[in-house]
Amino acid sequence: MYKFKHIFIFLFVLSFQFIHAQDEFFFIKGQIIESISGKVIEAVSVNISNSPYSTRTDQNGNFTLTAPKKAVYKIIVSHIAYQGLIKELKTKNSDTIHVTIALLQKENVLTDVSVYATHKPETLVGKTNYSVFDFDFYEDKLLLLTSSGSLSKAQIQLSNYEGKIFSSFDLPKQAGEAKHFFHDYEGYTDVVCKDSVFRLDVINTELVVQAIRQKDFSTYIEPIADSANSNFYFHDNWIKYPLFNYYYLKNNDSLNHLLSTITNSDLMKLYNLEYYYLPSRMQLEARRIARYYKTDKRIIAALMSGFTQSMFYEPLYAPIFILKDTICIFNHHNDFLYHYNNKNQLIDSVTISYHHPKNWREWKKQLFVDELSNKVYAFFSKDGHHYLKQIDHQTGKELSTYKLKHHSAEKIKIKDGYVYYVYRPFDSTQERFLYREKIE
């Protein structure tokens, strides 16, 4: 079972190599303007996500980027006086894209608000006739997973930040109950349902929904952590096994290369002992099943004994992020943060301890990244309240702590200095609304 997963991932990554041909280059030309006045903005930073390709706009608001050609680009636009934006561009059959991007000016809160004041959560989408169960970002808009009852009758909606709905799509009944959104390595939002998966796209302000086979999604899309520098970064993580590997595949290479191995050594010892605790009859059965599936008898034994469902088993959590062209692996199981350069060479490792609070239950095993600012936040919960701790991705140290105003926030995401979440007040008839708070 475990070996089969390696083979599937390897075949998957090979099938995507043609997308990243380096023998031809692509040009992105554009202009940055103010959203309301239309005035050009100079000195705007424009860079291609997870790549070294970046530039700034000139005095006429113009910019040009040159990069190896691929199917989809995500460009990150940022300026100190304007709200940041991530825009997705598709190359199609062209060798040049011309784009105009409008930015909204940031509010200067210091002119009207005391520095001692605290910002109240802002309601972005709140309707009395349906709940927001999940959400994702699409450029300057929001993708919403909503339902007026159970998620067996869910709907996808495209909204702006003021709650205006541009278009919607009813998920078919045969798709099964909707579960959640998945943001894949290409930048698309996928809707994962019980029996189906759908990829979401937007043309102008209209939703475009494409069905994906569940098997293709779990084999070809879900294992890919990210892509950068013409490399794919993927894993063979299986929730029922306390060891997995991160690999990378170079553009012009046919072999996958090991980047790092993640394991919980203490848990692995307990896992492997499960076979020897089984009665002789069950050991025999474990060996028979292992031969049939061509896997390790100790894996079968741990599944048979129920160890992976017990309170003693903890799934691995060691996410990989690409921050400013540096590959970062937060290995919480050996207390190290590893840094790799764009040639996939280990630069250094630093110790981390933020995930070991006095009360171990406070650490919720979640890291969030603000893609526009490259800031990393760790998620904690204490005394019924949620906290975000900013972690320096170079030193691994805690920088600051922010307490969320709503104590039972769900589906947390961070973008451009704001934390977004779904919240329904306790003992209230209110539906689940989408909120955001400024991280102070």
Protein backbone atom coordinates (compact mmCIF):
# COMPACT_ATOMS: atom_id res chain seq x y z
CA MET A 1 0.00 0.00 0.00
CA TYR A 2 2.74 2.42 1.01
CA LYS A 3 4.95 1.51 -1.96
CA PHE A 4 2.11 1.97 -4.44
CA LYS A 5 1.80 5.58 -3.36
CA HIS A 6 5.43 6.25 -4.35
CA ILE A 7 4.81 4.89 -7.82
CA PHE A 8 1.65 6.96 -8.37
CA ILE A 9 3.31 10.20 -7.28
CA PHE A 10 6.34 9.54 -9.48
CA LEU A 11 4.18 8.92 -12.55
CA PHE A 12 2.12 12.00 -11.76
CA VAL A 13 5.04 14.37 -11.60
CA LEU A 14 6.47 13.00 -14.84
CA SER A 15 3.18 13.70 -16.58
CA PHE A 16 3.45 17.41 -15.70
CA GLN A 17 7.00 18.06 -16.86
CA PHE A 18 6.00 19.39 -20.25
CA ILE A 19 4.34 22.39 -18.62
CA HIS A 20 7.62 23.85 -17.47
CA ALA A 21 9.78 23.84 -20.59
CA GLN A 22 12.74 26.16 -20.09
CA ASP A 23 13.77 26.45 -23.71
CA GLU A 24 11.40 29.39 -24.33
CA PHE A 25 10.66 32.54 -22.36
CA PHE A 26 7.48 34.47 -21.72
CA PHE A 27 6.85 38.21 -21.31
CA ILE A 28 4.40 39.81 -18.90
CA LYS A 29 3.85 43.50 -19.65
CA GLY A 30 1.48 45.71 -17.73
CA GLN A 31 0.54 48.89 -15.99
CA ILE A 32 -0.50 49.52 -12.38
CA ILE A 33 -3.15 52.18 -11.74
CA GLU A 34 -5.28 53.44 -8.85
CA SER A 35 -8.65 51.73 -8.72
CA ILE A 36 -10.72 54.93 -8.29
CA SER A 37 -8.80 57.74 -9.98
CA GLY A 38 -7.05 55.70 -12.67
CA LYS A 39 -3.76 57.48 -11.87
CA VAL A 40 -0.62 55.45 -12.61
CA ILE A 41 1.41 54.19 -9.63
CA GLU A 42 5.19 54.05 -9.73
CA ALA A 43 7.57 51.97 -7.56
CA VAL A 44 5.08 49.09 -7.24
CA SER A 45 6.77 45.77 -6.56
CA VAL A 46 5.73 43.05 -9.05
CA ASN A 47 7.09 39.53 -8.77
CA ILE A 48 6.18 36.04 -9.92
CA SER A 49 5.20 33.86 -6.96
CA ASN A 50 7.83 31.35 -5.83
CA SER A 51 10.45 32.59 -8.28
CA PRO A 52 13.37 35.06 -8.41
CA TYR A 53 11.72 37.05 -11.21
CA SER A 54 10.64 40.50 -10.00
CA THR A 55 10.59 44.15 -11.02
CA ARG A 56 9.12 47.57 -10.14
CA THR A 57 6.89 49.90 -12.09
CA ASP A 58 8.44 52.99 -13.68
CA GLN A 59 7.17 56.58 -13.41
CA ASN A 60 4.40 55.73 -15.91
CA GLY A 61 3.26 52.72 -13.87
CA ASN A 62 4.59 50.28 -16.48
CA PHE A 63 6.49 47.04 -15.87
CA THR A 64 7.89 44.09 -17.83
CA LEU A 65 8.70 40.63 -16.50
CA THR A 66 10.56 37.89 -18.38
CA ALA A 67 10.40 34.30 -17.14
CA PRO A 68 10.50 30.69 -18.38
CA LYS A 69 7.21 29.84 -20.04
CA LYS A 70 4.58 27.85 -18.18
CA ALA A 71 0.80 27.46 -18.28
CA VAL A 72 -0.17 29.62 -15.30
CA TYR A 73 1.62 32.47 -13.49
CA LYS A 74 0.74 34.03 -10.17
CA ILE A 75 2.08 37.54 -9.85
CA ILE A 76 2.23 39.32 -6.50
CA VAL A 77 1.70 43.09 -6.58
CA SER A 78 2.54 45.15 -3.49
CA HIS A 79 3.08 48.78 -2.47
CA ILE A 80 3.32 50.36 0.96
CA ALA A 81 0.39 52.72 0.29
CA TYR A 82 -1.92 50.26 -1.51
CA GLN A 83 -3.63 46.97 -0.77
CA GLY A 84 -1.62 44.04 -2.13
CA LEU A 85 -2.98 41.78 -4.86
CA ILE A 86 -2.26 38.29 -6.21
CA LYS A 87 -3.29 37.94 -9.85
CA GLU A 88 -3.43 34.73 -11.88
CA LEU A 89 -2.40 34.87 -15.54
CA LYS A 90 -2.80 32.11 -18.15
CA THR A 91 -0.42 32.03 -21.10
CA LYS A 92 -2.51 29.98 -23.56
CA ASN A 93 -0.82 30.08 -26.99
CA SER A 94 0.71 33.52 -26.68
CA ASP A 95 4.28 34.48 -25.79
CA THR A 96 3.26 37.82 -24.19
CA ILE A 97 0.51 38.92 -21.81
CA HIS A 98 -0.60 42.55 -21.51
CA VAL A 99 -2.41 43.34 -18.27
CA THR A 100 -3.70 46.38 -16.38
CA ILE A 101 -3.98 46.02 -12.60
CA ALA A 102 -5.94 48.39 -10.36
CA LEU A 103 -5.02 48.77 -6.68
CA LEU A 104 -7.05 50.16 -3.81
CA GLN A 105 -5.41 52.66 -1.49
CA LYS A 106 -4.87 51.55 2.11
CA GLU A 107 -6.78 53.31 4.84
CA ASN A 108 -4.65 55.55 7.06
CA VAL A 109 -6.09 54.48 10.39
CA LEU A 110 -3.70 56.64 12.45
CA THR A 111 -5.38 59.88 11.32
CA ASP A 112 -8.77 58.91 12.74
CA VAL A 113 -8.15 56.24 15.37
CA SER A 114 -6.22 56.38 18.61
CA VAL A 115 -3.17 54.14 18.73
CA TYR A 116 -4.70 52.58 21.84
CA ALA A 117 -7.88 51.58 20.03
CA THR A 118 -8.51 48.04 18.89
CA HIS A 119 -10.05 47.14 15.57
CA LYS A 120 -13.36 45.35 15.60
CA PRO A 121 -13.87 42.29 13.36
CA GLU A 122 -15.27 43.29 9.98
CA THR A 123 -18.14 41.28 8.51
CA LEU A 124 -17.41 40.60 4.83
CA VAL A 125 -20.19 38.17 3.93
CA GLY A 126 -23.13 37.62 6.24
CA LYS A 127 -26.54 36.45 5.05
CA THR A 128 -29.54 35.30 7.05
CA ASN A 129 -30.55 32.64 4.52
CA TYR A 130 -27.29 30.68 4.23
CA SER A 131 -23.98 29.97 5.97
CA VAL A 132 -20.42 30.27 4.74
CA PHE A 133 -18.66 26.94 5.37
CA ASP A 134 -15.36 27.65 3.61
CA PHE A 135 -13.72 30.34 1.50
CA ASP A 136 -10.67 31.12 -0.60
CA PHE A 137 -9.15 34.12 -2.35
CA TYR A 138 -9.26 34.84 -6.07
CA GLU A 139 -7.35 38.02 -6.91
CA ASP A 140 -9.50 40.84 -5.43
CA LYS A 141 -12.53 38.57 -4.94
CA LEU A 142 -13.68 35.74 -2.69
CA LEU A 143 -14.74 32.18 -3.47
CA LEU A 144 -17.35 30.91 -1.01
CA LEU A 145 -18.65 27.46 -0.15
CA THR A 146 -22.18 28.09 1.13
CA SER A 147 -25.34 26.23 2.04
CA SER A 148 -28.72 27.02 3.57
CA GLY A 149 -28.71 23.66 5.35
CA SER A 150 -26.38 20.70 5.09
CA LEU A 151 -23.45 20.59 2.68
CA SER A 152 -25.22 17.94 0.64
CA LYS A 153 -26.90 20.90 -1.11
CA ALA A 154 -23.93 23.27 -1.29
CA GLN A 155 -23.33 26.19 -3.60
CA ILE A 156 -20.20 27.95 -4.82
CA GLN A 157 -20.37 31.74 -4.93
CA LEU A 158 -18.07 34.45 -6.25
CA SER A 159 -18.19 37.60 -4.12
CA ASN A 160 -16.34 40.85 -3.57
CA TYR A 161 -15.19 42.03 -0.13
CA GLU A 162 -18.42 43.97 0.39
CA GLY A 163 -20.52 40.80 0.08
CA LYS A 164 -21.83 41.43 -3.44
CA ILE A 165 -22.39 38.11 -5.23
CA PHE A 166 -21.32 38.09 -8.90
CA SER A 167 -22.12 34.48 -9.83
CA SER A 168 -22.97 31.14 -8.24
CA PHE A 169 -22.95 27.43 -9.04
CA ASP A 170 -25.02 24.66 -7.42
CA LEU A 171 -22.97 21.54 -6.81
CA PRO A 172 -24.75 18.49 -8.32
CA LYS A 173 -26.33 15.97 -5.94
CA GLN A 174 -24.30 13.11 -7.41
CA ALA A 175 -21.11 14.85 -6.24
CA GLY A 176 -21.96 13.89 -2.67
CA GLU A 177 -21.68 16.11 0.38
CA ALA A 178 -19.20 18.98 -0.02
CA LYS A 179 -16.26 18.87 2.42
CA HIS A 180 -13.85 21.75 1.94
CA PHE A 181 -11.77 23.86 -0.43
CA PHE A 182 -8.26 22.79 -1.40
CA HIS A 183 -5.81 25.37 -2.75
CA ASP A 184 -3.55 23.44 -5.13
CA TYR A 185 0.03 24.08 -6.20
CA GLU A 186 -1.03 25.77 -9.45
CA GLY A 187 -3.05 28.35 -7.53
CA TYR A 188 -6.47 26.92 -8.33
CA THR A 189 -9.18 26.36 -5.75
CA ASP A 190 -10.59 22.82 -5.79
CA VAL A 191 -13.87 21.81 -4.13
CA VAL A 192 -13.52 18.42 -2.47
CA CYS A 193 -16.81 16.51 -2.16
CA LYS A 194 -17.56 13.01 -0.92
CA ASP A 195 -17.68 11.49 -4.41
CA SER A 196 -16.22 14.20 -6.67
CA VAL A 197 -13.73 17.03 -6.97
CA PHE A 198 -14.25 20.27 -8.92
CA ARG A 199 -11.70 22.85 -10.03
CA LEU A 200 -12.82 26.48 -9.88
CA ASP A 201 -11.79 29.22 -12.27
CA VAL A 202 -13.11 32.69 -13.07
CA ILE A 203 -13.57 34.44 -16.40
CA ASN A 204 -14.37 38.10 -15.80
CA THR A 205 -16.93 37.68 -13.02
CA GLU A 206 -18.33 34.28 -14.03
CA LEU A 207 -17.50 31.03 -12.27
CA VAL A 208 -16.09 28.22 -14.42
CA VAL A 209 -16.38 24.78 -12.81
CA GLN A 210 -14.58 21.70 -14.13
CA ALA A 211 -14.96 18.17 -12.75
CA ILE A 212 -11.82 16.22 -11.77
CA ARG A 213 -11.75 12.50 -11.09
CA GLN A 214 -11.22 11.79 -7.41
CA LYS A 215 -8.45 9.33 -8.16
CA ASP A 216 -6.65 11.87 -10.35
CA PHE A 217 -6.94 14.51 -7.64
CA SER A 218 -5.60 12.31 -4.83
CA THR A 219 -2.80 10.96 -7.02
CA TYR A 220 -1.84 13.84 -9.29
CA ILE A 221 -2.73 17.06 -7.45
CA GLU A 222 -3.04 16.67 -3.68
CA PRO A 223 0.54 15.36 -3.02
CA ILE A 224 2.18 18.34 -4.75
CA ALA A 225 3.17 20.83 -2.04
CA ASP A 226 4.41 23.56 -4.38
CA SER A 227 6.41 24.36 -7.49
CA ALA A 228 9.24 26.87 -7.85
CA ASN A 229 12.43 27.39 -9.80
CA SER A 230 11.15 24.92 -12.42
CA ASN A 231 10.94 22.20 -9.74
CA PHE A 232 8.00 20.28 -8.32
CA TYR A 233 8.02 19.63 -4.56
CA PHE A 234 5.88 16.70 -3.48
CA HIS A 235 5.46 14.23 -0.64
CA ASP A 236 4.36 10.65 -0.02
CA ASN A 237 2.67 11.40 3.30
CA TRP A 238 0.12 8.85 4.44
CA ILE A 239 -1.80 9.75 7.57
CA LYS A 240 -1.56 6.17 8.86
CA TYR A 241 2.24 5.98 8.83
CA PRO A 242 4.70 8.01 10.99
CA LEU A 243 7.26 8.62 8.22
CA PHE A 244 7.18 10.40 4.89
CA ASN A 245 9.54 12.03 2.41
CA TYR A 246 9.70 15.30 0.54
CA TYR A 247 10.96 14.97 -3.02
CA TYR A 248 11.70 17.38 -5.83
CA LEU A 249 11.72 16.81 -9.56
CA LYS A 250 13.85 19.01 -11.79
CA ASN A 251 12.41 20.28 -15.04
CA ASN A 252 14.69 18.35 -17.40
CA ASP A 253 15.15 15.29 -15.19
CA SER A 254 13.29 12.00 -15.27
CA LEU A 255 14.11 11.03 -11.68
CA ASN A 256 12.69 12.30 -8.40
CA HIS A 257 15.24 13.41 -5.79
CA LEU A 258 14.96 13.13 -2.02
CA LEU A 259 14.84 16.50 -0.26
CA SER A 260 14.09 15.50 3.34
CA THR A 261 12.70 12.64 5.42
CA ILE A 262 10.18 13.39 8.16
CA THR A 263 9.56 10.95 11.00
CA ASN A 264 8.62 10.76 14.66
CA SER A 265 11.20 8.26 15.88
CA ASP A 266 9.54 7.58 19.25
CA LEU A 267 6.16 7.03 17.63
CA MET A 268 7.75 4.79 14.98
CA LYS A 269 9.09 2.47 17.70
CA LEU A 270 5.61 2.07 19.18
CA TYR A 271 4.13 1.63 15.71
CA ASN A 272 6.49 -1.22 14.84
CA LEU A 273 5.92 -2.98 18.17
CA GLU A 274 2.22 -3.47 17.40
CA TYR A 275 2.99 -6.56 15.32
CA TYR A 276 4.63 -8.32 18.27
CA TYR A 277 1.69 -7.56 20.56
CA LEU A 278 -0.73 -9.39 18.23
CA PRO A 279 -1.77 -12.99 18.95
CA SER A 280 -0.05 -15.61 16.76
CA ARG A 281 -3.16 -16.07 14.64
CA MET A 282 -3.37 -12.35 13.84
CA GLN A 283 0.39 -12.17 13.15
CA LEU A 284 -0.10 -14.86 10.55
CA GLU A 285 -2.96 -12.90 9.00
CA ALA A 286 -0.87 -9.71 9.01
CA ARG A 287 1.91 -11.49 7.10
CA ARG A 288 -0.58 -12.87 4.56
CA ILE A 289 -2.12 -9.43 3.89
CA ALA A 290 1.34 -7.81 3.71
CA ARG A 291 2.44 -10.31 1.04
CA TYR A 292 -0.72 -9.66 -0.97
CA TYR A 293 -0.25 -5.87 -0.92
CA LYS A 294 3.56 -6.09 -1.09
CA THR A 295 4.06 -3.98 2.00
CA ASP A 296 5.45 -4.26 5.54
CA LYS A 297 3.73 -6.62 7.98
CA ARG A 298 4.20 -4.02 10.73
CA ILE A 299 2.06 -1.51 8.81
CA ILE A 300 -0.73 -4.07 8.50
CA ALA A 301 -0.41 -4.95 12.19
CA ALA A 302 -0.73 -1.32 13.29
CA LEU A 303 -3.90 -1.00 11.21
CA MET A 304 -5.33 -4.28 12.50
CA SER A 305 -4.70 -3.40 16.14
CA GLY A 306 -6.34 0.02 15.83
CA PHE A 307 -3.17 1.80 16.94
CA THR A 308 -3.55 4.53 14.29
CA GLN A 309 -6.99 5.34 15.75
CA SER A 310 -5.81 5.46 19.34
CA MET A 311 -4.89 8.41 21.55
CA PHE A 312 -1.22 7.39 21.29
CA TYR A 313 -1.00 7.97 17.54
CA GLU A 314 -0.30 11.46 16.19
CA PRO A 315 -0.23 12.18 12.42
CA LEU A 316 2.91 13.94 11.24
CA TYR A 317 2.85 17.70 10.69
CA ALA A 318 5.95 19.18 9.01
CA PRO A 319 4.82 21.60 6.29
CA ILE A 320 7.00 22.97 3.51
CA PHE A 321 6.78 26.60 2.35
CA ILE A 322 8.69 28.57 -0.26
CA LEU A 323 9.43 32.01 1.18
CA LYS A 324 11.40 34.55 -0.84
CA ASP A 325 12.97 31.84 -2.97
CA THR A 326 14.01 29.83 0.12
CA ILE A 327 12.51 26.38 0.72
CA CYS A 328 11.56 26.06 4.40
CA ILE A 329 10.62 22.79 6.11
CA PHE A 330 9.19 23.18 9.62
CA ASN A 331 9.97 19.77 11.12
CA HIS A 332 8.08 19.87 14.40
CA HIS A 333 9.07 16.29 15.22
CA ASN A 334 12.79 16.89 15.59
CA ASP A 335 12.48 20.59 16.52
CA PHE A 336 14.30 21.99 13.50
CA LEU A 337 13.54 24.46 10.74
CA TYR A 338 15.47 23.58 7.58
CA HIS A 339 16.41 26.08 4.87
CA TYR A 340 17.21 25.06 1.28
CA ASN A 341 18.35 27.32 -1.55
CA ASN A 342 16.88 27.43 -5.07
CA LYS A 343 19.24 24.59 -6.06
CA ASN A 344 17.67 22.39 -3.37
CA GLN A 345 20.85 22.44 -1.28
CA LEU A 346 20.57 22.58 2.50
CA ILE A 347 21.70 26.02 3.69
CA ASP A 348 21.27 25.57 7.44
CA SER A 349 18.97 24.38 10.19
CA VAL A 350 17.78 26.27 13.26
CA THR A 351 16.08 24.96 16.36
CA ILE A 352 12.40 25.73 16.98
CA SER A 353 10.48 25.50 20.24
CA TYR A 354 7.29 27.56 19.73
CA HIS A 355 5.34 24.29 19.31
CA HIS A 356 6.19 23.21 22.88
CA PRO A 357 4.05 25.46 25.11
CA LYS A 358 3.68 24.60 28.78
CA ASN A 359 0.33 23.05 28.03
CA TRP A 360 0.89 20.91 24.93
CA ARG A 361 -2.81 21.06 24.03
CA GLU A 362 -2.49 24.77 23.15
CA TRP A 363 -0.48 24.06 19.97
CA LYS A 364 -3.00 23.28 17.21
CA LYS A 365 -0.49 21.95 14.66
CA GLN A 366 -1.21 24.59 12.04
CA LEU A 367 1.00 27.13 10.31
CA PHE A 368 -0.34 29.89 8.08
CA VAL A 369 1.58 31.98 5.55
CA ASP A 370 0.70 35.47 4.40
CA GLU A 371 1.81 35.09 0.78
CA LEU A 372 1.95 38.83 0.15
CA SER A 373 4.28 39.58 3.07
CA ASN A 374 5.94 36.14 3.46
CA LYS A 375 5.07 36.14 7.16
CA VAL A 376 4.48 32.86 9.00
CA TYR A 377 1.99 32.42 11.84
CA ALA A 378 1.49 29.50 14.24
CA PHE A 379 -1.98 28.75 15.62
CA PHE A 380 -2.69 28.25 19.34
CA SER A 381 -5.77 28.01 21.52
CA LYS A 382 -5.87 28.77 25.25
CA ASP A 383 -8.75 29.21 27.69
CA GLY A 384 -11.26 29.15 24.84
CA HIS A 385 -9.46 31.85 22.81
CA HIS A 386 -7.44 31.60 19.60
CA TYR A 387 -3.97 33.11 19.16
CA LEU A 388 -1.67 33.68 16.20
CA LYS A 389 2.06 33.84 16.91
CA GLN A 390 4.25 35.28 14.18
CA ILE A 391 7.29 33.07 13.61
CA ASP A 392 10.49 34.39 12.04
CA HIS A 393 11.04 31.99 9.14
CA GLN A 394 14.80 32.62 9.29
CA THR A 395 15.47 32.20 13.02
CA GLY A 396 12.42 30.14 14.05
CA LYS A 397 11.77 32.52 16.96
CA GLU A 398 8.44 33.99 18.08
CA LEU A 399 8.08 37.66 17.11
CA SER A 400 4.62 38.63 18.34
CA THR A 401 1.24 37.29 19.46
CA TYR A 402 -2.20 38.34 18.29
CA LYS A 403 -5.43 37.29 20.02
CA LEU A 404 -8.48 36.86 17.78
CA LYS A 405 -11.58 38.70 18.92
CA HIS A 406 -13.91 35.76 18.22
CA HIS A 407 -12.96 32.73 20.28
CA SER A 408 -14.41 29.99 18.05
CA ALA A 409 -13.16 31.12 14.64
CA GLU A 410 -12.90 28.42 11.97
CA LYS A 411 -11.26 28.00 8.54
CA ILE A 412 -8.57 30.54 9.32
CA LYS A 413 -6.58 32.08 6.44
CA ILE A 414 -4.22 35.07 6.35
CA LYS A 415 -3.76 37.60 3.56
CA ASP A 416 -2.05 40.99 3.40
CA GLY A 417 -1.95 41.55 7.16
CA TYR A 418 -5.52 40.40 7.83
CA VAL A 419 -6.79 37.18 9.35
CA TYR A 420 -9.97 35.85 7.70
CA TYR A 421 -12.24 33.26 9.27
CA VAL A 422 -15.74 31.80 9.50
CA TYR A 423 -17.59 32.39 12.76
CA ARG A 424 -20.99 31.70 14.24
CA PRO A 425 -21.73 33.20 17.68
CA PHE A 426 -22.33 30.64 20.41
CA ASP A 427 -26.01 30.12 21.30
CA SER A 428 -27.05 32.36 18.40
CA THR A 429 -29.46 31.87 15.53
CA GLN A 430 -27.03 33.71 13.27
CA GLU A 431 -25.62 31.72 10.35
CA ARG A 432 -21.88 31.31 9.78
CA PHE A 433 -20.52 34.64 8.57
CA LEU A 434 -17.16 35.47 7.01
CA TYR A 435 -15.09 37.95 9.06
CA ARG A 436 -11.68 39.51 8.94
CA GLU A 437 -9.47 41.30 11.49
CA LYS A 438 -6.37 43.42 11.08
CA ILE A 439 -3.42 41.65 12.73
CA GLU A 440 -1.96 44.23 15.12
